[in-house]
PDB file of N, CA and C in Angstrom:
ATOM      1  N   MET A   1     -94.316-198.965  76.141  1.00  0.00           N
ATOM      2  CA  MET A   1     -95.089-198.061  76.958  1.00  0.00           C
ATOM      3  C   MET A   1     -96.565-198.317  76.410  1.00  0.00           C
ATOM      4  N   LYS A   2     -97.536-198.237  77.423  1.00  0.00           N
ATOM      5  CA  LYS A   2     -98.891-198.332  77.129  1.00  0.00           C
ATOM      6  C   LYS A   2     -99.700-197.223  77.643  1.00  0.00           C
ATOM      7  N   MET A   3    -100.811-196.803  76.917  1.00  0.00           N
ATOM      8  CA  MET A   3    -101.706-195.991  77.454  1.00  0.00           C
ATOM      9  C   MET A   3    -102.993-196.622  78.053  1.00  0.00           C
ATOM     10  N   ILE A   4    -103.236-196.355  79.217  1.00  0.00           N
ATOM     11  CA  ILE A   4    -104.534-197.009  79.771  1.00  0.00           C
ATOM     12  C   ILE A   4    -105.547-195.937  79.855  1.00  0.00           C
ATOM     13  N   ARG A   5    -106.816-196.196  79.290  1.00  0.00           N
ATOM     14  CA  ARG A   5    -107.831-195.296  79.384  1.00  0.00           C
ATOM     15  C   ARG A   5    -108.975-196.069  80.161  1.00  0.00           C
ATOM     16  N   ALA A   6    -109.415-195.498  81.311  1.00  0.00           N
ATOM     17  CA  ALA A   6    -110.404-196.141  82.046  1.00  0.00           C
ATOM     18  C   ALA A   6    -111.702-195.215  82.211  1.00  0.00           C
ATOM     19  N   PHE A   7    -112.790-195.675  81.587  1.00  0.00           N
ATOM     20  CA  PHE A   7    -114.152-195.042  81.846  1.00  0.00           C
ATOM     21  C   PHE A   7    -114.796-195.543  82.947  1.00  0.00           C
ATOM     22  N   ILE A   8    -114.877-194.697  84.108  1.00  0.00           N
ATOM     23  CA  ILE A   8    -115.402-195.206  85.365  1.00  0.00           C
ATOM     24  C   ILE A   8    -116.661-194.332  85.798  1.00  0.00           C
ATOM     25  N   ARG A   9    -117.392-194.949  86.800  1.00  0.00           N
ATOM     26  CA  ARG A   9    -118.413-194.066  87.414  1.00  0.00           C
ATOM     27  C   ARG A   9    -117.863-192.862  88.139  1.00  0.00           C
ATOM     28  N   PRO A  10    -118.426-191.762  87.989  1.00  0.00           N
ATOM     29  CA  PRO A  10    -117.884-190.465  88.719  1.00  0.00           C
ATOM     30  C   PRO A  10    -117.778-190.629  90.052  1.00  0.00           C
ATOM     31  N   GLU A  11    -118.642-191.467  90.765  1.00  0.00           N
ATOM     32  CA  GLU A  11    -118.531-191.542  92.186  1.00  0.00           C
ATOM     33  C   GLU A  11    -117.308-192.476  92.606  1.00  0.00           C
ATOM     34  N   LYS A  12    -116.818-193.147  91.742  1.00  0.00           N
ATOM     35  CA  LYS A  12    -115.630-194.097  92.079  1.00  0.00           C
ATOM     36  C   LYS A  12    -114.315-193.420  91.695  1.00  0.00           C
ATOM     37  N   GLU A  13    -114.242-192.173  91.232  1.00  0.00           N
ATOM     38  CA  GLU A  13    -113.122-191.450  90.804  1.00  0.00           C
ATOM     39  C   GLU A  13    -112.017-191.404  91.919  1.00  0.00           C
ATOM     40  N   GLN A  14    -112.486-190.849  93.051  1.00  0.00           N
ATOM     41  CA  GLN A  14    -111.473-190.550  94.183  1.00  0.00           C
ATOM     42  C   GLN A  14    -110.906-191.749  94.590  1.00  0.00           C
ATOM     43  N   GLU A  15    -111.733-192.843  94.779  1.00  0.00           N
ATOM     44  CA  GLU A  15    -111.209-194.179  95.370  1.00  0.00           C
ATOM     45  C   GLU A  15    -110.177-194.683  94.434  1.00  0.00           C
ATOM     46  N   VAL A  16    -110.374-194.720  93.058  1.00  0.00           N
ATOM     47  CA  VAL A  16    -109.490-195.161  92.056  1.00  0.00           C
ATOM     48  C   VAL A  16    -108.230-194.346  92.004  1.00  0.00           C
ATOM     49  N   VAL A  17    -108.264-192.905  92.115  1.00  0.00           N
ATOM     50  CA  VAL A  17    -107.068-192.149  91.979  1.00  0.00           C
ATOM     51  C   VAL A  17    -106.252-192.331  93.249  1.00  0.00           C
ATOM     52  N   LEU A  18    -106.979-192.357  94.481  1.00  0.00           N
ATOM     53  CA  LEU A  18    -106.211-192.589  95.607  1.00  0.00           C
ATOM     54  C   LEU A  18    -105.468-193.952  95.720  1.00  0.00           C
ATOM     55  N   ALA A  19    -106.173-195.007  95.147  1.00  0.00           N
ATOM     56  CA  ALA A  19    -105.566-196.323  95.025  1.00  0.00           C
ATOM     57  C   ALA A  19    -104.220-196.338  94.153  1.00  0.00           C
ATOM     58  N   LEU A  20    -104.510-195.702  93.006  1.00  0.00           N
ATOM     59  CA  LEU A  20    -103.302-195.599  92.018  1.00  0.00           C
ATOM     60  C   LEU A  20    -102.164-194.909  92.740  1.00  0.00           C
ATOM     61  N   GLU A  21    -102.415-193.705  93.297  1.00  0.00           N
ATOM     62  CA  GLU A  21    -101.343-192.862  93.899  1.00  0.00           C
ATOM     63  C   GLU A  21    -100.649-193.736  95.029  1.00  0.00           C
ATOM     64  N   GLY A  22    -101.491-194.525  95.821  1.00  0.00           N
ATOM     65  CA  GLY A  22    -100.947-195.305  96.904  1.00  0.00           C
ATOM     66  C   GLY A  22    -100.115-196.450  96.387  1.00  0.00           C
ATOM     67  N   ALA A  23    -100.346-196.942  95.136  1.00  0.00           N
ATOM     68  CA  ALA A  23     -99.558-198.051  94.624  1.00  0.00           C
ATOM     69  C   ALA A  23     -98.331-197.423  93.890  1.00  0.00           C
ATOM     70  N   GLY A  24     -98.114-196.255  93.820  1.00  0.00           N
ATOM     71  CA  GLY A  24     -96.937-195.664  93.238  1.00  0.00           C
ATOM     72  C   GLY A  24     -97.161-195.123  91.728  1.00  0.00           C
ATOM     73  N   TYR A  25     -98.556-195.047  91.322  1.00  0.00           N
ATOM     74  CA  TYR A  25     -98.770-194.455  90.108  1.00  0.00           C
ATOM     75  C   TYR A  25     -99.391-193.145  90.219  1.00  0.00           C
ATOM     76  N   PRO A  26     -98.665-191.932  90.462  1.00  0.00           N
ATOM     77  CA  PRO A  26     -99.293-190.789  90.687  1.00  0.00           C
ATOM     78  C   PRO A  26     -99.649-189.975  89.441  1.00  0.00           C
ATOM     79  N   SER A  27     -99.033-190.258  88.304  1.00  0.00           N
ATOM     80  CA  SER A  27     -99.222-189.464  87.157  1.00  0.00           C
ATOM     81  C   SER A  27    -100.509-189.976  86.383  1.00  0.00           C
ATOM     82  N   LEU A  28    -101.453-189.083  86.123  1.00  0.00           N
ATOM     83  CA  LEU A  28    -102.687-189.402  85.339  1.00  0.00           C
ATOM     84  C   LEU A  28    -103.384-188.129  84.973  1.00  0.00           C
ATOM     85  N   THR A  29    -104.199-188.320  83.997  1.00  0.00           N
ATOM     86  CA  THR A  29    -105.080-187.242  83.630  1.00  0.00           C
ATOM     87  C   THR A  29    -106.495-187.724  83.758  1.00  0.00           C
ATOM     88  N   LYS A  30    -107.392-186.863  84.292  1.00  0.00           N
ATOM     89  CA  LYS A  30    -108.827-187.290  84.356  1.00  0.00           C
ATOM     90  C   LYS A  30    -109.739-186.179  83.893  1.00  0.00           C
ATOM     91  N   MET A  31    -110.777-186.624  83.354  1.00  0.00           N
ATOM     92  CA  MET A  31    -111.794-185.630  82.866  1.00  0.00           C
ATOM     93  C   MET A  31    -113.200-186.044  82.904  1.00  0.00           C
ATOM     94  N   ALA A  32    -114.268-185.378  83.042  1.00  0.00           N
ATOM     95  CA  ALA A  32    -115.585-185.682  83.077  1.00  0.00           C
ATOM     96  C   ALA A  32    -116.018-185.810  81.580  1.00  0.00           C
ATOM     97  N   VAL A  33    -116.648-187.015  81.320  1.00  0.00           N
ATOM     98  CA  VAL A  33    -117.125-187.295  80.024  1.00  0.00           C
ATOM     99  C   VAL A  33    -118.554-187.755  79.946  1.00  0.00           C
ATOM    100  N   PHE A  34    -119.192-187.749  78.896  1.00  0.00           N
ATOM    101  CA  PHE A  34    -120.525-188.367  78.814  1.00  0.00           C
ATOM    102  C   PHE A  34    -120.511-189.381  77.577  1.00  0.00           C
ATOM    103  N   GLY A  35    -121.322-190.557  77.703  1.00  0.00           N
ATOM    104  CA  GLY A  35    -121.313-191.504  76.702  1.00  0.00           C
ATOM    105  C   GLY A  35    -122.340-192.612  77.006  1.00  0.00           C
ATOM    106  N   ARG A  36    -122.204-193.589  76.166  1.00  0.00           N
ATOM    107  CA  ARG A  36    -123.090-194.721  76.499  1.00  0.00           C
ATOM    108  C   ARG A  36    -122.306-196.003  75.905  1.00  0.00           C
ATOM    109  N   GLY A  37    -122.662-197.084  76.604  1.00  0.00           N
ATOM    110  CA  GLY A  37    -121.989-198.360  76.138  1.00  0.00           C
ATOM    111  C   GLY A  37    -123.049-199.297  75.542  1.00  0.00           C
ATOM    112  N   LYS A  38    -122.753-200.561  75.591  1.00  0.00           N
ATOM    113  CA  LYS A  38    -123.743-201.515  75.093  1.00  0.00           C
ATOM    114  C   LYS A  38    -125.127-201.333  75.450  1.00  0.00           C
ATOM    115  N   GLN A  39    -125.436-200.984  76.608  1.00  0.00           N
ATOM    116  CA  GLN A  39    -126.784-200.742  77.178  1.00  0.00           C
ATOM    117  C   GLN A  39    -127.505-199.630  76.448  1.00  0.00           C
ATOM    118  N   LYS A  40    -126.832-198.794  75.644  1.00  0.00           N
ATOM    119  CA  LYS A  40    -127.339-197.600  75.029  1.00  0.00           C
ATOM    120  C   LYS A  40    -128.126-196.637  75.930  1.00  0.00           C
ATOM    121  N   GLY A  41    -127.552-196.413  77.076  1.00  0.00           N
ATOM    122  CA  GLY A  41    -128.019-195.466  77.996  1.00  0.00           C
ATOM    123  C   GLY A  41    -128.770-196.141  79.051  1.00  0.00           C
ATOM    124  N   LEU A  42    -129.796-195.424  79.644  1.00  0.00           N
ATOM    125  CA  LEU A  42    -130.348-196.030  80.839  1.00  0.00           C
ATOM    126  C   LEU A  42    -131.944-195.636  80.809  1.00  0.00           C
ATOM    127  N   GLN A  43    -132.700-196.650  81.018  1.00  0.00           N
ATOM    128  CA  GLN A  43    -134.272-196.482  81.104  1.00  0.00           C
ATOM    129  C   GLN A  43    -134.718-196.395  82.554  1.00  0.00           C
ATOM    130  N   ILE A  44    -135.267-195.338  82.927  1.00  0.00           N
ATOM    131  CA  ILE A  44    -135.871-195.446  84.315  1.00  0.00           C
ATOM    132  C   ILE A  44    -137.364-194.921  84.195  1.00  0.00           C
ATOM    133  N   GLY A  45    -138.188-195.882  84.208  1.00  0.00           N
ATOM    134  CA  GLY A  45    -139.713-195.547  83.989  1.00  0.00           C
ATOM    135  C   GLY A  45    -139.756-195.153  82.562  1.00  0.00           C
ATOM    136  N   ALA A  46    -140.463-194.033  82.439  1.00  0.00           N
ATOM    137  CA  ALA A  46    -140.750-193.439  81.039  1.00  0.00           C
ATOM    138  C   ALA A  46    -139.494-192.559  80.525  1.00  0.00           C
ATOM    139  N   VAL A  47    -138.647-192.419  81.399  1.00  0.00           N
ATOM    140  CA  VAL A  47    -137.471-191.485  81.054  1.00  0.00           C
ATOM    141  C   VAL A  47    -136.301-192.312  80.515  1.00  0.00           C
ATOM    142  N   HIS A  48    -135.732-192.045  79.347  1.00  0.00           N
ATOM    143  CA  HIS A  48    -134.526-192.618  78.822  1.00  0.00           C
ATOM    144  C   HIS A  48    -133.471-191.537  78.905  1.00  0.00           C
ATOM    145  N   TYR A  49    -132.277-192.007  79.510  1.00  0.00           N
ATOM    146  CA  TYR A  49    -131.054-191.175  79.444  1.00  0.00           C
ATOM    147  C   TYR A  49    -130.092-191.748  78.480  1.00  0.00           C
ATOM    148  N   ASP A  50    -129.919-191.085  77.322  1.00  0.00           N
ATOM    149  CA  ASP A  50    -129.127-191.557  76.137  1.00  0.00           C
ATOM    150  C   ASP A  50    -127.804-191.663  76.497  1.00  0.00           C
ATOM    151  N   GLU A  51    -127.115-190.627  77.222  1.00  0.00           N
ATOM    152  CA  GLU A  51    -125.704-190.506  77.565  1.00  0.00           C
ATOM    153  C   GLU A  51    -125.548-190.353  78.983  1.00  0.00           C
ATOM    154  N   LEU A  52    -124.624-191.011  79.683  1.00  0.00           N
ATOM    155  CA  LEU A  52    -124.435-191.135  81.068  1.00  0.00           C
ATOM    156  C   LEU A  52    -123.199-190.443  81.371  1.00  0.00           C
ATOM    157  N   PRO A  53    -123.031-189.828  82.544  1.00  0.00           N
ATOM    158  CA  PRO A  53    -121.802-189.340  82.986  1.00  0.00           C
ATOM    159  C   PRO A  53    -120.865-190.402  83.412  1.00  0.00           C
ATOM    160  N   LYS A  54    -119.519-190.131  82.978  1.00  0.00           N
ATOM    161  CA  LYS A  54    -118.307-191.054  83.444  1.00  0.00           C
ATOM    162  C   LYS A  54    -117.213-190.149  83.733  1.00  0.00           C
ATOM    163  N   THR A  55    -116.255-190.773  84.333  1.00  0.00           N
ATOM    164  CA  THR A  55    -114.943-190.070  84.431  1.00  0.00           C
ATOM    165  C   THR A  55    -113.919-190.829  83.691  1.00  0.00           C
ATOM    166  N   LEU A  56    -113.116-190.210  82.832  1.00  0.00           N
ATOM    167  CA  LEU A  56    -111.994-190.772  82.077  1.00  0.00           C
ATOM    168  C   LEU A  56    -110.826-190.572  82.718  1.00  0.00           C
ATOM    169  N   ILE A  57    -110.106-191.665  83.076  1.00  0.00           N
ATOM    170  CA  ILE A  57    -108.793-191.611  83.689  1.00  0.00           C
ATOM    171  C   ILE A  57    -107.817-192.091  82.634  1.00  0.00           C
ATOM    172  N   MET A  58    -106.718-191.335  82.411  1.00  0.00           N
ATOM    173  CA  MET A  58    -105.732-191.733  81.413  1.00  0.00           C
ATOM    174  C   MET A  58    -104.339-191.708  82.064  1.00  0.00           C
ATOM    175  N   THR A  59    -103.541-192.735  81.738  1.00  0.00           N
ATOM    176  CA  THR A  59    -102.172-192.800  82.164  1.00  0.00           C
ATOM    177  C   THR A  59    -101.407-193.515  81.242  1.00  0.00           C
ATOM    178  N   VAL A  60    -100.015-193.165  81.085  1.00  0.00           N
ATOM    179  CA  VAL A  60     -99.132-193.945  80.241  1.00  0.00           C
ATOM    180  C   VAL A  60     -98.120-194.588  81.251  1.00  0.00           C
ATOM    181  N   VAL A  61     -97.829-195.873  81.007  1.00  0.00           N
ATOM    182  CA  VAL A  61     -96.937-196.556  81.851  1.00  0.00           C
ATOM    183  C   VAL A  61     -96.059-197.564  81.134  1.00  0.00           C
ATOM    184  N   ASP A  62     -95.100-198.124  81.834  1.00  0.00           N
ATOM    185  CA  ASP A  62     -94.150-199.211  81.278  1.00  0.00           C
ATOM    186  C   ASP A  62     -95.136-200.423  81.024  1.00  0.00           C
ATOM    187  N   ASP A  63     -94.835-201.144  80.171  1.00  0.00           N
ATOM    188  CA  ASP A  63     -95.530-202.429  79.830  1.00  0.00           C
ATOM    189  C   ASP A  63     -95.700-203.254  81.146  1.00  0.00           C
ATOM    190  N   ALA A  64     -94.685-203.361  81.874  1.00  0.00           N
ATOM    191  CA  ALA A  64     -94.617-204.223  83.039  1.00  0.00           C
ATOM    192  C   ALA A  64     -95.757-203.840  84.157  1.00  0.00           C
ATOM    193  N   ASP A  65     -96.167-202.453  84.092  1.00  0.00           N
ATOM    194  CA  ASP A  65     -97.131-202.044  85.122  1.00  0.00           C
ATOM    195  C   ASP A  65     -98.575-202.216  84.635  1.00  0.00           C
ATOM    196  N   VAL A  66     -98.933-202.607  83.527  1.00  0.00           N
ATOM    197  CA  VAL A  66    -100.163-202.661  82.902  1.00  0.00           C
ATOM    198  C   VAL A  66    -101.176-203.377  83.723  1.00  0.00           C
ATOM    199  N   ASN A  67    -100.763-204.590  84.011  1.00  0.00           N
ATOM    200  CA  ASN A  67    -101.720-205.549  84.717  1.00  0.00           C
ATOM    201  C   ASN A  67    -102.003-205.061  86.082  1.00  0.00           C
ATOM    202  N   SER A  68    -100.968-204.494  86.696  1.00  0.00           N
ATOM    203  CA  SER A  68    -101.134-203.983  88.220  1.00  0.00           C
ATOM    204  C   SER A  68    -102.226-202.907  88.121  1.00  0.00           C
ATOM    205  N   ILE A  69    -102.212-202.050  87.215  1.00  0.00           N
ATOM    206  CA  ILE A  69    -102.994-200.699  87.101  1.00  0.00           C
ATOM    207  C   ILE A  69    -104.485-201.379  86.701  1.00  0.00           C
ATOM    208  N   ILE A  70    -104.544-202.254  85.858  1.00  0.00           N
ATOM    209  CA  ILE A  70    -105.870-202.801  85.480  1.00  0.00           C
ATOM    210  C   ILE A  70    -106.463-203.446  86.749  1.00  0.00           C
ATOM    211  N   THR A  71    -105.746-204.117  87.441  1.00  0.00           N
ATOM    212  CA  THR A  71    -106.303-204.863  88.670  1.00  0.00           C
ATOM    213  C   THR A  71    -106.782-203.760  89.651  1.00  0.00           C
ATOM    214  N   ILE A  72    -106.036-202.641  89.883  1.00  0.00           N
ATOM    215  CA  ILE A  72    -106.385-201.614  90.830  1.00  0.00           C
ATOM    216  C   ILE A  72    -107.712-201.037  90.433  1.00  0.00           C
ATOM    217  N   VAL A  73    -107.718-200.520  89.116  1.00  0.00           N
ATOM    218  CA  VAL A  73    -109.036-199.921  88.676  1.00  0.00           C
ATOM    219  C   VAL A  73    -110.139-200.677  88.725  1.00  0.00           C
ATOM    220  N   GLN A  74    -110.075-202.092  88.252  1.00  0.00           N
ATOM    221  CA  GLN A  74    -111.212-202.956  88.283  1.00  0.00           C
ATOM    222  C   GLN A  74    -111.634-203.235  89.831  1.00  0.00           C
ATOM    223  N   ASP A  75    -110.722-203.322  90.636  1.00  0.00           N
ATOM    224  CA  ASP A  75    -110.952-203.531  92.130  1.00  0.00           C
ATOM    225  C   ASP A  75    -111.723-202.424  92.708  1.00  0.00           C
ATOM    226  N   LYS A  76    -111.275-201.139  92.485  1.00  0.00           N
ATOM    227  CA  LYS A  76    -111.922-200.045  93.063  1.00  0.00           C
ATOM    228  C   LYS A  76    -113.083-199.435  92.390  1.00  0.00           C
ATOM    229  N   ALA A  77    -113.190-199.639  91.075  1.00  0.00           N
ATOM    230  CA  ALA A  77    -114.357-199.047  90.335  1.00  0.00           C
ATOM    231  C   ALA A  77    -115.573-200.011  90.184  1.00  0.00           C
ATOM    232  N   ARG A  78    -115.388-201.360  90.539  1.00  0.00           N
ATOM    233  CA  ARG A  78    -116.494-202.183  90.251  1.00  0.00           C
ATOM    234  C   ARG A  78    -117.531-202.241  91.437  1.00  0.00           C
ATOM    235  N   THR A  79    -118.857-202.001  90.873  1.00  0.00           N
ATOM    236  CA  THR A  79    -119.980-202.078  91.883  1.00  0.00           C
ATOM    237  C   THR A  79    -120.691-203.422  91.559  1.00  0.00           C
ATOM    238  N   GLY A  80    -120.550-204.066  90.378  1.00  0.00           N
ATOM    239  CA  GLY A  80    -121.385-205.161  90.156  1.00  0.00           C
ATOM    240  C   GLY A  80    -122.519-204.933  89.227  1.00  0.00           C
ATOM    241  N   PHE A  81    -122.816-203.635  88.984  1.00  0.00           N
ATOM    242  CA  PHE A  81    -123.903-203.359  88.131  1.00  0.00           C
ATOM    243  C   PHE A  81    -123.538-202.875  86.770  1.00  0.00           C
ATOM    244  N   ILE A  82    -124.526-202.902  85.816  1.00  0.00           N
ATOM    245  CA  ILE A  82    -124.206-202.459  84.493  1.00  0.00           C
ATOM    246  C   ILE A  82    -123.816-200.949  84.494  1.00  0.00           C
ATOM    247  N   GLY A  83    -122.821-200.693  83.722  1.00  0.00           N
ATOM    248  CA  GLY A  83    -122.421-199.234  83.731  1.00  0.00           C
ATOM    249  C   GLY A  83    -121.120-199.023  84.517  1.00  0.00           C
ATOM    250  N   ASP A  84    -120.440-200.053  85.049  1.00  0.00           N
ATOM    251  CA  ASP A  84    -119.250-199.834  85.953  1.00  0.00           C
ATOM    252  C   ASP A  84    -118.136-199.225  85.031  1.00  0.00           C
ATOM    253  N   GLY A  85    -118.171-199.448  83.719  1.00  0.00           N
ATOM    254  CA  GLY A  85    -117.147-198.825  82.946  1.00  0.00           C
ATOM    255  C   GLY A  85    -116.369-199.740  82.088  1.00  0.00           C
ATOM    256  N   LYS A  86    -115.261-199.333  81.398  1.00  0.00           N
ATOM    257  CA  LYS A  86    -114.620-200.022  80.451  1.00  0.00           C
ATOM    258  C   LYS A  86    -113.097-199.516  80.507  1.00  0.00           C
ATOM    259  N   ILE A  87    -112.167-200.357  80.318  1.00  0.00           N
ATOM    260  CA  ILE A  87    -110.754-200.063  80.291  1.00  0.00           C
ATOM    261  C   ILE A  87    -110.159-200.416  78.908  1.00  0.00           C
ATOM    262  N   PHE A  88    -109.411-199.485  78.333  1.00  0.00           N
ATOM    263  CA  PHE A  88    -108.703-199.690  77.123  1.00  0.00           C
ATOM    264  C   PHE A  88    -107.253-199.552  77.212  1.00  0.00           C
ATOM    265  N   VAL A  89    -106.546-200.445  76.591  1.00  0.00           N
ATOM    266  CA  VAL A  89    -105.052-200.272  76.611  1.00  0.00           C
ATOM    267  C   VAL A  89    -104.540-200.184  75.162  1.00  0.00           C
ATOM    268  N   SER A  90    -103.718-199.169  74.998  1.00  0.00           N
ATOM    269  CA  SER A  90    -103.190-199.026  73.668  1.00  0.00           C
ATOM    270  C   SER A  90    -101.607-198.801  73.758  1.00  0.00           C
ATOM    271  N   PRO A  91    -101.055-199.214  72.667  1.00  0.00           N
ATOM    272  CA  PRO A  91     -99.524-198.943  72.605  1.00  0.00           C
ATOM    273  C   PRO A  91     -99.179-197.490  72.428  1.00  0.00           C
ATOM    274  N   VAL A  92     -98.030-197.069  73.054  1.00  0.00           N
ATOM    275  CA  VAL A  92     -97.510-195.733  72.917  1.00  0.00           C
ATOM    276  C   VAL A  92     -96.112-195.851  72.245  1.00  0.00           C
ATOM    277  N   ASP A  93     -95.888-195.240  71.191  1.00  0.00           N
ATOM    278  CA  ASP A  93     -94.584-195.316  70.429  1.00  0.00           C
ATOM    279  C   ASP A  93     -93.460-194.622  71.330  1.00  0.00           C
ATOM    280  N   ASN A  94     -93.815-193.448  71.737  1.00  0.00           N
ATOM    281  CA  ASN A  94     -92.827-192.707  72.487  1.00  0.00           C
ATOM    282  C   ASN A  94     -93.478-191.515  73.240  1.00  0.00           C
ATOM    283  N   ALA A  95     -92.725-190.797  74.131  1.00  0.00           N
ATOM    284  CA  ALA A  95     -93.233-189.678  74.903  1.00  0.00           C
ATOM    285  C   ALA A  95     -91.961-188.623  74.911  1.00  0.00           C
ATOM    286  N   TYR A  96     -92.400-187.454  74.874  1.00  0.00           N
ATOM    287  CA  TYR A  96     -91.338-186.247  75.060  1.00  0.00           C
ATOM    288  C   TYR A  96     -91.790-185.265  76.011  1.00  0.00           C
ATOM    289  N   THR A  97     -90.822-184.869  76.875  1.00  0.00           N
ATOM    290  CA  THR A  97     -91.212-183.836  77.820  1.00  0.00           C
ATOM    291  C   THR A  97     -90.870-182.552  77.085  1.00  0.00           C
ATOM    292  N   ILE A  98     -91.965-181.677  77.002  1.00  0.00           N
ATOM    293  CA  ILE A  98     -91.790-180.419  76.342  1.00  0.00           C
ATOM    294  C   ILE A  98     -90.710-179.581  76.961  1.00  0.00           C
ATOM    295  N   ARG A  99     -90.684-179.377  78.052  1.00  0.00           N
ATOM    296  CA  ARG A  99     -89.750-178.367  78.706  1.00  0.00           C
ATOM    297  C   ARG A  99     -88.257-178.795  78.429  1.00  0.00           C
ATOM    298  N   THR A 100     -87.939-180.146  78.535  1.00  0.00           N
ATOM    299  CA  THR A 100     -86.529-180.549  78.466  1.00  0.00           C
ATOM    300  C   THR A 100     -86.232-181.223  77.258  1.00  0.00           C
ATOM    301  N   GLY A 101     -87.196-181.604  76.552  1.00  0.00           N
ATOM    302  CA  GLY A 101     -86.994-182.400  75.334  1.00  0.00           C
ATOM    303  C   GLY A 101     -86.703-183.799  75.599  1.00  0.00           C
ATOM    304  N   GLN A 102     -86.699-184.296  76.868  1.00  0.00           N
ATOM    305  CA  GLN A 102     -86.266-185.675  77.205  1.00  0.00           C
ATOM    306  C   GLN A 102     -87.241-186.636  76.509  1.00  0.00           C
ATOM    307  N   GLU A 103     -86.669-187.807  76.136  1.00  0.00           N
ATOM    308  CA  GLU A 103     -87.584-188.815  75.438  1.00  0.00           C
ATOM    309  C   GLU A 103     -87.834-189.866  76.406  1.00  0.00           C
ATOM    310  N   GLY A 104     -89.051-190.457  76.307  1.00  0.00           N
ATOM    311  CA  GLY A 104     -89.349-191.609  77.133  1.00  0.00           C
ATOM    312  C   GLY A 104     -90.125-191.069  78.280  1.00  0.00           C
ATOM    313  N   LEU A 105     -90.596-191.986  79.194  1.00  0.00           N
ATOM    314  CA  LEU A 105     -91.454-191.655  80.354  1.00  0.00           C
ATOM    315  C   LEU A 105     -90.417-190.895  81.385  1.00  0.00           C
TER     316      LEU A 105
END
């Protein structure tokens, strides 16, 4: 299993979520976050925005589904400009359903 964390532009959230659901990946967690990447914020004239709003989408999937999800997120979240976001993939040792105690996805 892998956990995929995608930091994307807030205006791309609905497009990404609907594409994932349409491809058969309905389970996810999303939240509004603030941060900065390599560009260290954004400079517009004399105003410097140190941290920018992003949406964090997280999901845990089987290893075989990772490339498909990455492709969907990249396809739907890309604008071609700095600040489109970043995707992180991490291993997940196990998962447990609290209500039933079932192990695995």
